[in-house]
C-alpha atoms as a PDB file:
ATOM      1  CA  MET A   1      -8.822 -11.321  97.245  1.00  0.00           C
ATOM      2  CA  LYS A   2     -11.662 -13.036  99.096  1.00  0.00           C
ATOM      3  CA  ASP A   3     -14.184 -12.017  96.412  1.00  0.00           C
ATOM      4  CA  GLY A   4     -12.242 -14.014  93.777  1.00  0.00           C
ATOM      5  CA  ILE A   5     -12.286 -17.107  96.017  1.00  0.00           C
ATOM      6  CA  ILE A   6     -16.032 -16.767  96.528  1.00  0.00           C
ATOM      7  CA  LEU A   7     -16.668 -16.483  92.778  1.00  0.00           C
ATOM      8  CA  GLU A   8     -14.460 -19.525  92.037  1.00  0.00           C
ATOM      9  CA  THR A   9     -16.132 -21.801  94.587  1.00  0.00           C
ATOM     10  CA  PRO A  10     -18.622 -24.194  92.933  1.00  0.00           C
ATOM     11  CA  SER A  11     -20.813 -24.113  96.048  1.00  0.00           C
ATOM     12  CA  ARG A  12     -21.667 -20.466  95.577  1.00  0.00           C
ATOM     13  CA  ARG A  13     -25.336 -21.163  96.233  1.00  0.00           C
ATOM     14  CA  GLU A  14     -24.366 -22.751  99.560  1.00  0.00           C
ATOM     15  CA  PHE A  15     -22.360 -19.655 100.452  1.00  0.00           C
ATOM     16  CA  LEU A  16     -25.259 -17.402  99.450  1.00  0.00           C
ATOM     17  CA  LYS A  17     -27.619 -19.449 101.613  1.00  0.00           C
ATOM     18  CA  ARG A  18     -25.162 -19.274 104.511  1.00  0.00           C
ATOM     19  CA  SER A  19     -24.640 -15.506 104.190  1.00  0.00           C
ATOM     20  CA  VAL A  20     -28.389 -14.896 104.080  1.00  0.00           C
ATOM     21  CA  GLY A  21     -28.824 -17.137 107.138  1.00  0.00           C
ATOM     22  CA  ILE A  22     -26.176 -15.182 109.010  1.00  0.00           C
ATOM     23  CA  ALA A  23     -27.808 -11.870 108.020  1.00  0.00           C
ATOM     24  CA  ALA A  24     -31.186 -13.167 109.218  1.00  0.00           C
ATOM     25  CA  ALA A  25     -29.648 -14.368 112.488  1.00  0.00           C
ATOM     26  CA  VAL A  26     -27.931 -11.040 113.048  1.00  0.00           C
ATOM     27  CA  ALA A  27     -31.127  -9.140 112.216  1.00  0.00           C
ATOM     28  CA  SER A  28     -33.177 -11.279 114.624  1.00  0.00           C
ATOM     29  CA  SER A  29     -30.571 -10.996 117.377  1.00  0.00           C
ATOM     30  CA  THR A  30     -30.334  -7.212 116.982  1.00  0.00           C
ATOM     31  CA  GLN A  31     -33.844  -5.824 116.683  1.00  0.00           C
ATOM     32  CA  SER A  32     -32.462  -2.284 116.319  1.00  0.00           C
ATOM     33  CA  VAL A  33     -31.104  -3.191 112.837  1.00  0.00           C
ATOM     34  CA  SER A  34     -33.692  -3.634 110.098  1.00  0.00           C
ATOM     35  CA  PRO A  35     -33.663  -7.057 108.408  1.00  0.00           C
ATOM     36  CA  SER A  36     -33.805  -5.474 104.957  1.00  0.00           C
ATOM     37  CA  PHE A  37     -30.586  -3.597 105.683  1.00  0.00           C
ATOM     38  CA  ALA A  38     -28.805  -6.800 106.675  1.00  0.00           C
ATOM     39  CA  VAL A  39     -30.045  -8.575 103.553  1.00  0.00           C
ATOM     40  CA  GLN A  40     -28.976  -5.639 101.386  1.00  0.00           C
ATOM     41  CA  GLY A  41     -25.491  -5.777 102.932  1.00  0.00           C
ATOM     42  CA  ALA A  42     -25.255  -9.496 102.118  1.00  0.00           C
ATOM     43  CA  ASN A  43     -26.329  -8.862  98.532  1.00  0.00           C
ATOM     44  CA  ASP A  44     -23.712  -6.107  98.187  1.00  0.00           C
ATOM     45  CA  ARG A  45     -21.017  -8.507  99.346  1.00  0.00           C
ATOM     46  CA  ILE A  46     -22.113 -11.177  96.820  1.00  0.00           C
ATOM     47  CA  ARG A  47     -22.056  -8.632  94.004  1.00  0.00           C
END
């Protein structure tokens, strides 16, 4: 139940910032993947 833990953490904004940063890093490291796709995947995980 990782989703429950994420929702309970008070530093949810920090987690969101970290996930977006990871998505951006992955997108920049792999040019074949579109950045928008990585960001959309991060948003789906948060929701």
